[in-house]
PDB file of N, CA and C in Angstrom:
ATOM      1  N   MET A   1      94.941  34.886 -39.676  1.00  0.00           N
ATOM      2  CA  MET A   1      95.607  34.427 -40.881  1.00  0.00           C
ATOM      3  C   MET A   1      96.016  35.646 -41.681  1.00  0.00           C
ATOM      4  N   GLY A   2      97.172  35.587 -42.323  1.00  0.00           N
ATOM      5  CA  GLY A   2      97.694  36.709 -43.097  1.00  0.00           C
ATOM      6  C   GLY A   2      96.973  36.886 -44.411  1.00  0.00           C
ATOM      7  N   THR A   3      97.484  37.830 -45.198  1.00  0.00           N
ATOM      8  CA  THR A   3      96.912  38.101 -46.507  1.00  0.00           C
ATOM      9  C   THR A   3      97.160  36.917 -47.421  1.00  0.00           C
ATOM     10  N   MET A   4      96.145  36.565 -48.171  1.00  0.00           N
ATOM     11  CA  MET A   4      96.262  35.460 -49.110  1.00  0.00           C
ATOM     12  C   MET A   4      96.971  35.970 -50.355  1.00  0.00           C
ATOM     13  N   SER A   5      98.125  35.414 -50.652  1.00  0.00           N
ATOM     14  CA  SER A   5      98.905  35.913 -51.786  1.00  0.00           C
ATOM     15  C   SER A   5      99.099  34.880 -52.889  1.00  0.00           C
ATOM     16  N   VAL A   6      98.709  33.648 -52.652  1.00  0.00           N
ATOM     17  CA  VAL A   6      98.882  32.605 -53.655  1.00  0.00           C
ATOM     18  C   VAL A   6      97.500  32.171 -54.136  1.00  0.00           C
ATOM     19  N   ARG A   7      97.307  32.247 -55.418  1.00  0.00           N
ATOM     20  CA  ARG A   7      96.049  31.781 -56.019  1.00  0.00           C
ATOM     21  C   ARG A   7      96.369  30.559 -56.852  1.00  0.00           C
ATOM     22  N   SER A   8      95.541  29.532 -56.713  1.00  0.00           N
ATOM     23  CA  SER A   8      95.753  28.287 -57.455  1.00  0.00           C
ATOM     24  C   SER A   8      94.435  27.835 -58.046  1.00  0.00           C
ATOM     25  N   THR A   9      94.536  27.102 -59.127  1.00  0.00           N
ATOM     26  CA  THR A   9      93.358  26.520 -59.761  1.00  0.00           C
ATOM     27  C   THR A   9      93.539  25.016 -59.797  1.00  0.00           C
ATOM     28  N   TYR A  10      92.498  24.286 -59.361  1.00  0.00           N
ATOM     29  CA  TYR A  10      92.546  22.835 -59.331  1.00  0.00           C
ATOM     30  C   TYR A  10      91.290  22.287 -59.993  1.00  0.00           C
ATOM     31  N   ALA A  11      91.448  21.191 -60.688  1.00  0.00           N
ATOM     32  CA  ALA A  11      90.298  20.502 -61.260  1.00  0.00           C
ATOM     33  C   ALA A  11      89.837  19.456 -60.260  1.00  0.00           C
ATOM     34  N   LEU A  12      88.562  19.523 -59.883  1.00  0.00           N
ATOM     35  CA  LEU A  12      88.007  18.595 -58.909  1.00  0.00           C
ATOM     36  C   LEU A  12      86.857  17.818 -59.522  1.00  0.00           C
ATOM     37  N   ASP A  13      86.678  16.596 -59.056  1.00  0.00           N
ATOM     38  CA  ASP A  13      85.503  15.855 -59.484  1.00  0.00           C
ATOM     39  C   ASP A  13      84.276  16.461 -58.806  1.00  0.00           C
ATOM     40  N   THR A  14      83.102  16.179 -59.349  1.00  0.00           N
ATOM     41  CA  THR A  14      81.862  16.775 -58.858  1.00  0.00           C
ATOM     42  C   THR A  14      81.618  16.455 -57.392  1.00  0.00           C
ATOM     43  N   GLU A  15      81.875  15.228 -56.985  1.00  0.00           N
ATOM     44  CA  GLU A  15      81.630  14.828 -55.594  1.00  0.00           C
ATOM     45  C   GLU A  15      82.502  15.621 -54.621  1.00  0.00           C
ATOM     46  N   THR A  16      83.784  15.772 -54.947  1.00  0.00           N
ATOM     47  CA  THR A  16      84.686  16.517 -54.062  1.00  0.00           C
ATOM     48  C   THR A  16      84.261  17.974 -53.960  1.00  0.00           C
ATOM     49  N   ALA A  17      83.910  18.581 -55.081  1.00  0.00           N
ATOM     50  CA  ALA A  17      83.458  19.976 -55.070  1.00  0.00           C
ATOM     51  C   ALA A  17      82.206  20.124 -54.209  1.00  0.00           C
ATOM     52  N   GLN A  18      81.302  19.171 -54.315  1.00  0.00           N
ATOM     53  CA  GLN A  18      80.068  19.212 -53.523  1.00  0.00           C
ATOM     54  C   GLN A  18      80.388  19.063 -52.034  1.00  0.00           C
ATOM     55  N   LEU A  19      81.311  18.174 -51.705  1.00  0.00           N
ATOM     56  CA  LEU A  19      81.691  17.982 -50.305  1.00  0.00           C
ATOM     57  C   LEU A  19      82.344  19.238 -49.729  1.00  0.00           C
ATOM     58  N   ILE A  20      83.148  19.922 -50.533  1.00  0.00           N
ATOM     59  CA  ILE A  20      83.767  21.176 -50.075  1.00  0.00           C
ATOM     60  C   ILE A  20      82.687  22.204 -49.791  1.00  0.00           C
ATOM     61  N   ARG A  21      81.698  22.315 -50.683  1.00  0.00           N
ATOM     62  CA  ARG A  21      80.588  23.260 -50.458  1.00  0.00           C
ATOM     63  C   ARG A  21      79.818  22.901 -49.194  1.00  0.00           C
ATOM     64  N   GLN A  22      79.583  21.595 -48.982  1.00  0.00           N
ATOM     65  CA  GLN A  22      78.862  21.157 -47.779  1.00  0.00           C
ATOM     66  C   GLN A  22      79.625  21.519 -46.514  1.00  0.00           C
ATOM     67  N   LEU A  23      80.931  21.246 -46.502  1.00  0.00           N
ATOM     68  CA  LEU A  23      81.736  21.594 -45.329  1.00  0.00           C
ATOM     69  C   LEU A  23      81.760  23.100 -45.093  1.00  0.00           C
ATOM     70  N   ALA A  24      81.834  23.872 -46.166  1.00  0.00           N
ATOM     71  CA  ALA A  24      81.818  25.333 -46.036  1.00  0.00           C
ATOM     72  C   ALA A  24      80.536  25.789 -45.347  1.00  0.00           C
ATOM     73  N   ALA A  25      79.419  25.192 -45.736  1.00  0.00           N
ATOM     74  CA  ALA A  25      78.141  25.562 -45.116  1.00  0.00           C
ATOM     75  C   ALA A  25      78.088  25.125 -43.654  1.00  0.00           C
ATOM     76  N   ILE A  26      78.555  23.911 -43.373  1.00  0.00           N
ATOM     77  CA  ILE A  26      78.534  23.390 -42.008  1.00  0.00           C
ATOM     78  C   ILE A  26      79.446  24.211 -41.097  1.00  0.00           C
ATOM     79  N   TRP A  27      80.658  24.492 -41.576  1.00  0.00           N
ATOM     80  CA  TRP A  27      81.638  25.220 -40.770  1.00  0.00           C
ATOM     81  C   TRP A  27      81.408  26.729 -40.786  1.00  0.00           C
ATOM     82  N   GLY A  28      80.588  27.213 -41.726  1.00  0.00           N
ATOM     83  CA  GLY A  28      80.342  28.647 -41.830  1.00  0.00           C
ATOM     84  C   GLY A  28      81.564  29.420 -42.305  1.00  0.00           C
ATOM     85  N   VAL A  29      82.307  28.828 -43.237  1.00  0.00           N
ATOM     86  CA  VAL A  29      83.516  29.473 -43.763  1.00  0.00           C
ATOM     87  C   VAL A  29      83.500  29.376 -45.290  1.00  0.00           C
ATOM     88  N   SER A  30      84.482  30.013 -45.927  1.00  0.00           N
ATOM     89  CA  SER A  30      84.596  29.944 -47.385  1.00  0.00           C
ATOM     90  C   SER A  30      85.095  28.572 -47.822  1.00  0.00           C
ATOM     91  N   GLN A  31      84.921  28.270 -49.097  1.00  0.00           N
ATOM     92  CA  GLN A  31      85.440  27.016 -49.635  1.00  0.00           C
ATOM     93  C   GLN A  31      86.963  26.986 -49.543  1.00  0.00           C
ATOM     94  N   ALA A  32      87.598  28.128 -49.736  1.00  0.00           N
ATOM     95  CA  ALA A  32      89.057  28.204 -49.622  1.00  0.00           C
ATOM     96  C   ALA A  32      89.504  27.850 -48.202  1.00  0.00           C
ATOM     97  N   GLU A  33      88.743  28.320 -47.208  1.00  0.00           N
ATOM     98  CA  GLU A  33      89.091  28.008 -45.818  1.00  0.00           C
ATOM     99  C   GLU A  33      88.900  26.523 -45.535  1.00  0.00           C
ATOM    100  N   VAL A  34      87.895  25.900 -46.145  1.00  0.00           N
ATOM    101  CA  VAL A  34      87.708  24.449 -45.998  1.00  0.00           C
ATOM    102  C   VAL A  34      88.948  23.727 -46.499  1.00  0.00           C
ATOM    103  N   ILE A  35      89.453  24.140 -47.642  1.00  0.00           N
ATOM    104  CA  ILE A  35      90.645  23.487 -48.207  1.00  0.00           C
ATOM    105  C   ILE A  35      91.849  23.727 -47.314  1.00  0.00           C
ATOM    106  N   ARG A  36      92.039  24.967 -46.825  1.00  0.00           N
ATOM    107  CA  ARG A  36      93.175  25.255 -45.937  1.00  0.00           C
ATOM    108  C   ARG A  36      93.111  24.389 -44.679  1.00  0.00           C
ATOM    109  N   ARG A  37      91.930  24.347 -44.055  1.00  0.00           N
ATOM    110  CA  ARG A  37      91.785  23.557 -42.830  1.00  0.00           C
ATOM    111  C   ARG A  37      91.989  22.068 -43.102  1.00  0.00           C
ATOM    112  N   SER A  38      91.437  21.597 -44.198  1.00  0.00           N
ATOM    113  CA  SER A  38      91.556  20.173 -44.528  1.00  0.00           C
ATOM    114  C   SER A  38      93.001  19.771 -44.753  1.00  0.00           C
ATOM    115  N   VAL A  39      93.765  20.633 -45.404  1.00  0.00           N
ATOM    116  CA  VAL A  39      95.185  20.343 -45.629  1.00  0.00           C
ATOM    117  C   VAL A  39      95.915  20.287 -44.293  1.00  0.00           C
ATOM    118  N   ARG A  40      95.640  21.240 -43.403  1.00  0.00           N
ATOM    119  CA  ARG A  40      96.294  21.245 -42.085  1.00  0.00           C
ATOM    120  C   ARG A  40      95.931  19.983 -41.292  1.00  0.00           C
ATOM    121  N   ILE A  41      94.648  19.607 -41.331  1.00  0.00           N
ATOM    122  CA  ILE A  41      94.197  18.411 -40.613  1.00  0.00           C
ATOM    123  C   ILE A  41      94.888  17.167 -41.171  1.00  0.00           C
ATOM    124  N   ALA A  42      94.969  17.068 -42.492  1.00  0.00           N
ATOM    125  CA  ALA A  42      95.595  15.903 -43.124  1.00  0.00           C
ATOM    126  C   ALA A  42      97.065  15.805 -42.757  1.00  0.00           C
ATOM    127  N   VAL A  43      97.764  16.921 -42.739  1.00  0.00           N
ATOM    128  CA  VAL A  43      99.191  16.910 -42.395  1.00  0.00           C
ATOM    129  C   VAL A  43      99.371  16.543 -40.926  1.00  0.00           C
ATOM    130  N   ALA A  44      98.522  17.089 -40.049  1.00  0.00           N
ATOM    131  CA  ALA A  44      98.640  16.790 -38.621  1.00  0.00           C
ATOM    132  C   ALA A  44      98.331  15.321 -38.325  1.00  0.00           C
ATOM    133  N   ALA A  45      97.445  14.716 -39.117  1.00  0.00           N
ATOM    134  CA  ALA A  45      97.040  13.339 -38.871  1.00  0.00           C
ATOM    135  C   ALA A  45      97.895  12.326 -39.624  1.00  0.00           C
ATOM    136  N   LYS A  46      98.896  12.788 -40.353  1.00  0.00           N
ATOM    137  CA  LYS A  46      99.709  11.892 -41.175  1.00  0.00           C
ATOM    138  C   LYS A  46     100.309  10.789 -40.322  1.00  0.00           C
ATOM    139  N   GLU A  47     100.083   9.579 -40.758  1.00  0.00           N
ATOM    140  CA  GLU A  47     100.606   8.425 -40.052  1.00  0.00           C
ATOM    141  C   GLU A  47     101.997   8.097 -40.588  1.00  0.00           C
ATOM    142  N   PRO A  48     102.832   7.504 -39.755  1.00  0.00           N
ATOM    143  CA  PRO A  48     104.149   7.093 -40.253  1.00  0.00           C
ATOM    144  C   PRO A  48     104.002   6.017 -41.318  1.00  0.00           C
ATOM    145  N   ALA A  49     104.994   5.900 -42.147  1.00  0.00           N
ATOM    146  CA  ALA A  49     104.979   4.893 -43.215  1.00  0.00           C
ATOM    147  C   ALA A  49     104.896   3.499 -42.608  1.00  0.00           C
ATOM    148  N   ALA A  50     104.232   2.600 -43.305  1.00  0.00           N
ATOM    149  CA  ALA A  50     104.116   1.216 -42.841  1.00  0.00           C
ATOM    150  C   ALA A  50     105.507   0.586 -42.776  1.00  0.00           C
ATOM    151  N   PRO A  51     105.745  -0.228 -41.767  1.00  0.00           N
ATOM    152  CA  PRO A  51     107.063  -0.860 -41.664  1.00  0.00           C
ATOM    153  C   PRO A  51     107.276  -1.875 -42.779  1.00  0.00           C
ATOM    154  N   THR A  52     108.527  -2.070 -43.131  1.00  0.00           N
ATOM    155  CA  THR A  52     108.872  -3.091 -44.126  1.00  0.00           C
ATOM    156  C   THR A  52     108.777  -4.459 -43.459  1.00  0.00           C
ATOM    157  N   PRO A  53     108.655  -5.528 -44.235  1.00  0.00           N
ATOM    158  CA  PRO A  53     108.639  -6.871 -43.632  1.00  0.00           C
ATOM    159  C   PRO A  53     109.867  -7.122 -42.751  1.00  0.00           C
ATOM    160  N   ALA A  54     111.026  -6.649 -43.185  1.00  0.00           N
ATOM    161  CA  ALA A  54     112.249  -6.841 -42.387  1.00  0.00           C
ATOM    162  C   ALA A  54     112.150  -6.104 -41.051  1.00  0.00           C
ATOM    163  N   GLU A  55     111.537  -4.922 -41.050  1.00  0.00           N
ATOM    164  CA  GLU A  55     111.374  -4.170 -39.800  1.00  0.00           C
ATOM    165  C   GLU A  55     110.411  -4.887 -38.855  1.00  0.00           C
ATOM    166  N   VAL A  56     109.377  -5.487 -39.404  1.00  0.00           N
ATOM    167  CA  VAL A  56     108.426  -6.237 -38.578  1.00  0.00           C
ATOM    168  C   VAL A  56     109.119  -7.437 -37.936  1.00  0.00           C
ATOM    169  N   VAL A  57     109.887  -8.177 -38.727  1.00  0.00           N
ATOM    170  CA  VAL A  57     110.605  -9.337 -38.191  1.00  0.00           C
ATOM    171  C   VAL A  57     111.564  -8.892 -37.097  1.00  0.00           C
ATOM    172  N   GLU A  58     112.308  -7.836 -37.346  1.00  0.00           N
ATOM    173  CA  GLU A  58     113.252  -7.331 -36.343  1.00  0.00           C
ATOM    174  C   GLU A  58     112.534  -6.906 -35.069  1.00  0.00           C
ATOM    175  N   HIS A  59     111.386  -6.277 -35.219  1.00  0.00           N
ATOM    176  CA  HIS A  59     110.612  -5.843 -34.049  1.00  0.00           C
ATOM    177  C   HIS A  59     110.264  -7.050 -33.172  1.00  0.00           C
ATOM    178  N   TYR A  60     109.744  -8.116 -33.805  1.00  0.00           N
ATOM    179  CA  TYR A  60     109.318  -9.271 -33.016  1.00  0.00           C
ATOM    180  C   TYR A  60     110.485 -10.121 -32.530  1.00  0.00           C
ATOM    181  N   ARG A  61     111.679  -9.897 -33.047  1.00  0.00           N
ATOM    182  CA  ARG A  61     112.867 -10.552 -32.480  1.00  0.00           C
ATOM    183  C   ARG A  61     113.213  -9.943 -31.127  1.00  0.00           C
ATOM    184  N   THR A  62     112.900  -8.653 -30.982  1.00  0.00           N
ATOM    185  CA  THR A  62     113.309  -7.937 -29.767  1.00  0.00           C
ATOM    186  C   THR A  62     112.152  -7.588 -28.832  1.00  0.00           C
ATOM    187  N   HIS A  63     110.913  -7.820 -29.251  1.00  0.00           N
ATOM    188  CA  HIS A  63     109.745  -7.494 -28.424  1.00  0.00           C
ATOM    189  C   HIS A  63     108.831  -8.708 -28.310  1.00  0.00           C
ATOM    190  N   ALA A  64     108.121  -8.773 -27.209  1.00  0.00           N
ATOM    191  CA  ALA A  64     107.188  -9.878 -27.010  1.00  0.00           C
ATOM    192  C   ALA A  64     106.009  -9.764 -27.972  1.00  0.00           C
ATOM    193  N   ILE A  65     105.477 -10.909 -28.381  1.00  0.00           N
ATOM    194  CA  ILE A  65     104.278 -10.923 -29.215  1.00  0.00           C
ATOM    195  C   ILE A  65     103.118 -10.448 -28.339  1.00  0.00           C
ATOM    196  N   PRO A  66     102.281  -9.543 -28.841  1.00  0.00           N
ATOM    197  CA  PRO A  66     101.257  -8.936 -27.986  1.00  0.00           C
ATOM    198  C   PRO A  66     100.005  -9.797 -27.764  1.00  0.00           C
ATOM    199  N   ARG A  67     100.182 -11.095 -27.577  1.00  0.00           N
ATOM    200  CA  ARG A  67      99.052 -11.953 -27.230  1.00  0.00           C
ATOM    201  C   ARG A  67      99.570 -13.173 -26.468  1.00  0.00           C
ATOM    202  N   ASP A  68      98.676 -13.758 -25.696  1.00  0.00           N
ATOM    203  CA  ASP A  68      99.085 -14.933 -24.925  1.00  0.00           C
ATOM    204  C   ASP A  68      98.956 -16.199 -25.783  1.00  0.00           C
ATOM    205  N   ARG A  69      99.410 -17.302 -25.236  1.00  0.00           N
ATOM    206  CA  ARG A  69      99.439 -18.564 -25.991  1.00  0.00           C
ATOM    207  C   ARG A  69      98.042 -18.996 -26.426  1.00  0.00           C
ATOM    208  N   GLU A  70      97.071 -18.876 -25.528  1.00  0.00           N
ATOM    209  CA  GLU A  70      95.696 -19.284 -25.846  1.00  0.00           C
ATOM    210  C   GLU A  70      95.144 -18.471 -27.021  1.00  0.00           C
ATOM    211  N   GLU A  71      95.363 -17.186 -26.995  1.00  0.00           N
ATOM    212  CA  GLU A  71      94.892 -16.320 -28.081  1.00  0.00           C
ATOM    213  C   GLU A  71      95.613 -16.652 -29.392  1.00  0.00           C
ATOM    214  N   THR A  72      96.897 -16.940 -29.294  1.00  0.00           N
ATOM    215  CA  THR A  72      97.673 -17.306 -30.482  1.00  0.00           C
ATOM    216  C   THR A  72      97.139 -18.603 -31.088  1.00  0.00           C
ATOM    217  N   GLU A  73      96.868 -19.596 -30.255  1.00  0.00           N
ATOM    218  CA  GLU A  73      96.341 -20.864 -30.751  1.00  0.00           C
ATOM    219  C   GLU A  73      94.960 -20.684 -31.374  1.00  0.00           C
ATOM    220  N   ARG A  74      94.128 -19.825 -30.768  1.00  0.00           N
ATOM    221  CA  ARG A  74      92.806 -19.546 -31.324  1.00  0.00           C
ATOM    222  C   ARG A  74      92.942 -18.887 -32.685  1.00  0.00           C
ATOM    223  N   LEU A  75      93.852 -17.935 -32.808  1.00  0.00           N
ATOM    224  CA  LEU A  75      94.078 -17.244 -34.068  1.00  0.00           C
ATOM    225  C   LEU A  75      94.578 -18.211 -35.143  1.00  0.00           C
ATOM    226  N   ILE A  76      95.499 -19.087 -34.787  1.00  0.00           N
ATOM    227  CA  ILE A  76      96.017 -20.078 -35.741  1.00  0.00           C
ATOM    228  C   ILE A  76      94.878 -20.965 -36.242  1.00  0.00           C
ATOM    229  N   ALA A  77      94.033 -21.431 -35.326  1.00  0.00           N
ATOM    230  CA  ALA A  77      92.912 -22.290 -35.715  1.00  0.00           C
ATOM    231  C   ALA A  77      91.941 -21.544 -36.628  1.00  0.00           C
ATOM    232  N   GLU A  78      91.673 -20.297 -36.316  1.00  0.00           N
ATOM    233  CA  GLU A  78      90.765 -19.488 -37.131  1.00  0.00           C
ATOM    234  C   GLU A  78      91.329 -19.280 -38.537  1.00  0.00           C
ATOM    235  N   LEU A  79      92.613 -18.943 -38.623  1.00  0.00           N
ATOM    236  CA  LEU A  79      93.241 -18.733 -39.928  1.00  0.00           C
ATOM    237  C   LEU A  79      93.311 -20.037 -40.726  1.00  0.00           C
ATOM    238  N   ARG A  80      93.593 -21.136 -40.055  1.00  0.00           N
ATOM    239  CA  ARG A  80      93.633 -22.437 -40.732  1.00  0.00           C
ATOM    240  C   ARG A  80      92.258 -22.769 -41.309  1.00  0.00           C
ATOM    241  N   ALA A  81      91.195 -22.518 -40.533  1.00  0.00           N
ATOM    242  CA  ALA A  81      89.832 -22.791 -41.009  1.00  0.00           C
ATOM    243  C   ALA A  81      89.493 -21.911 -42.208  1.00  0.00           C
ATOM    244  N   GLN A  82      89.905 -20.656 -42.169  1.00  0.00           N
ATOM    245  CA  GLN A  82      89.658 -19.764 -43.303  1.00  0.00           C
ATOM    246  C   GLN A  82      90.386 -20.255 -44.555  1.00  0.00           C
ATOM    247  N   ARG A  83      91.637 -20.680 -44.397  1.00  0.00           N
ATOM    248  CA  ARG A  83      92.395 -21.200 -45.544  1.00  0.00           C
ATOM    249  C   ARG A  83      91.734 -22.441 -46.116  1.00  0.00           C
ATOM    250  N   GLN A  84      91.287 -23.341 -45.243  1.00  0.00           N
ATOM    251  CA  GLN A  84      90.620 -24.564 -45.712  1.00  0.00           C
ATOM    252  C   GLN A  84      89.325 -24.224 -46.449  1.00  0.00           C
ATOM    253  N   GLU A  85      88.571 -23.260 -45.938  1.00  0.00           N
ATOM    254  CA  GLU A  85      87.337 -22.834 -46.597  1.00  0.00           C
ATOM    255  C   GLU A  85      87.645 -22.234 -47.965  1.00  0.00           C
ATOM    256  N   ASP A  86      88.674 -21.386 -48.029  1.00  0.00           N
ATOM    257  CA  ASP A  86      89.082 -20.796 -49.312  1.00  0.00           C
ATOM    258  C   ASP A  86      89.508 -21.886 -50.293  1.00  0.00           C
ATOM    259  N   ASP A  87      90.275 -22.867 -49.816  1.00  0.00           N
ATOM    260  CA  ASP A  87      90.710 -23.979 -50.684  1.00  0.00           C
ATOM    261  C   ASP A  87      89.506 -24.734 -51.224  1.00  0.00           C
ATOM    262  N   LEU A  88      88.532 -24.993 -50.360  1.00  0.00           N
ATOM    263  CA  LEU A  88      87.333 -25.714 -50.768  1.00  0.00           C
ATOM    264  C   LEU A  88      86.559 -24.920 -51.819  1.00  0.00           C
ATOM    265  N   LEU A  89      86.404 -23.625 -51.613  1.00  0.00           N
ATOM    266  CA  LEU A  89      85.707 -22.783 -52.586  1.00  0.00           C
ATOM    267  C   LEU A  89      86.433 -22.769 -53.929  1.00  0.00           C
ATOM    268  N   ARG A  90      87.756 -22.678 -53.886  1.00  0.00           N
ATOM    269  CA  ARG A  90      88.549 -22.683 -55.124  1.00  0.00           C
ATOM    270  C   ARG A  90      88.404 -24.012 -55.861  1.00  0.00           C
ATOM    271  N   THR A  91      88.417 -25.106 -55.102  1.00  0.00           N
ATOM    272  CA  THR A  91      88.283 -26.434 -55.689  1.00  0.00           C
ATOM    273  C   THR A  91      86.909 -26.593 -56.333  1.00  0.00           C
ATOM    274  N   CYS A  92      85.882 -26.111 -55.685  1.00  0.00           N
ATOM    275  CA  CYS A  92      84.518 -26.226 -56.213  1.00  0.00           C
ATOM    276  C   CYS A  92      84.344 -25.403 -57.491  1.00  0.00           C
ATOM    277  N   ARG A  93      84.964 -24.236 -57.541  1.00  0.00           N
ATOM    278  CA  ARG A  93      84.843 -23.374 -58.724  1.00  0.00           C
ATOM    279  C   ARG A  93      85.600 -23.948 -59.918  1.00  0.00           C
ATOM    280  N   HIS A  94      86.714 -24.600 -59.658  1.00  0.00           N
ATOM    281  CA  HIS A  94      87.560 -25.100 -60.751  1.00  0.00           C
ATOM    282  C   HIS A  94      87.364 -26.590 -61.016  1.00  0.00           C
ATOM    283  N   GLY A  95      86.546 -27.220 -60.207  1.00  0.00           N
ATOM    284  CA  GLY A  95      86.415 -28.659 -60.322  1.00  0.00           C
ATOM    285  C   GLY A  95      85.214 -29.050 -61.027  1.00  0.00           C
TER     286      GLY A  95
END
């Protein structure tokens, strides 16, 4: 790594500062190196943005649904039962 030429000051909550110190001890590096590595890891692991509802609909217009009919029917029944349970709980609380 080259010469460090940028100095920055950041306000951190106590928990984050403690976690940085812990990682520094575990990794055997400075706290600054923990931050540098963590930033690189976060950027490398960045996930693409979640698709919009329109993109999801378009995807399933052109691609097969990733489950068979039996699994789909089981999922529908499970979701229906959850909705009915939620409705019953709401009715009991407000009734």
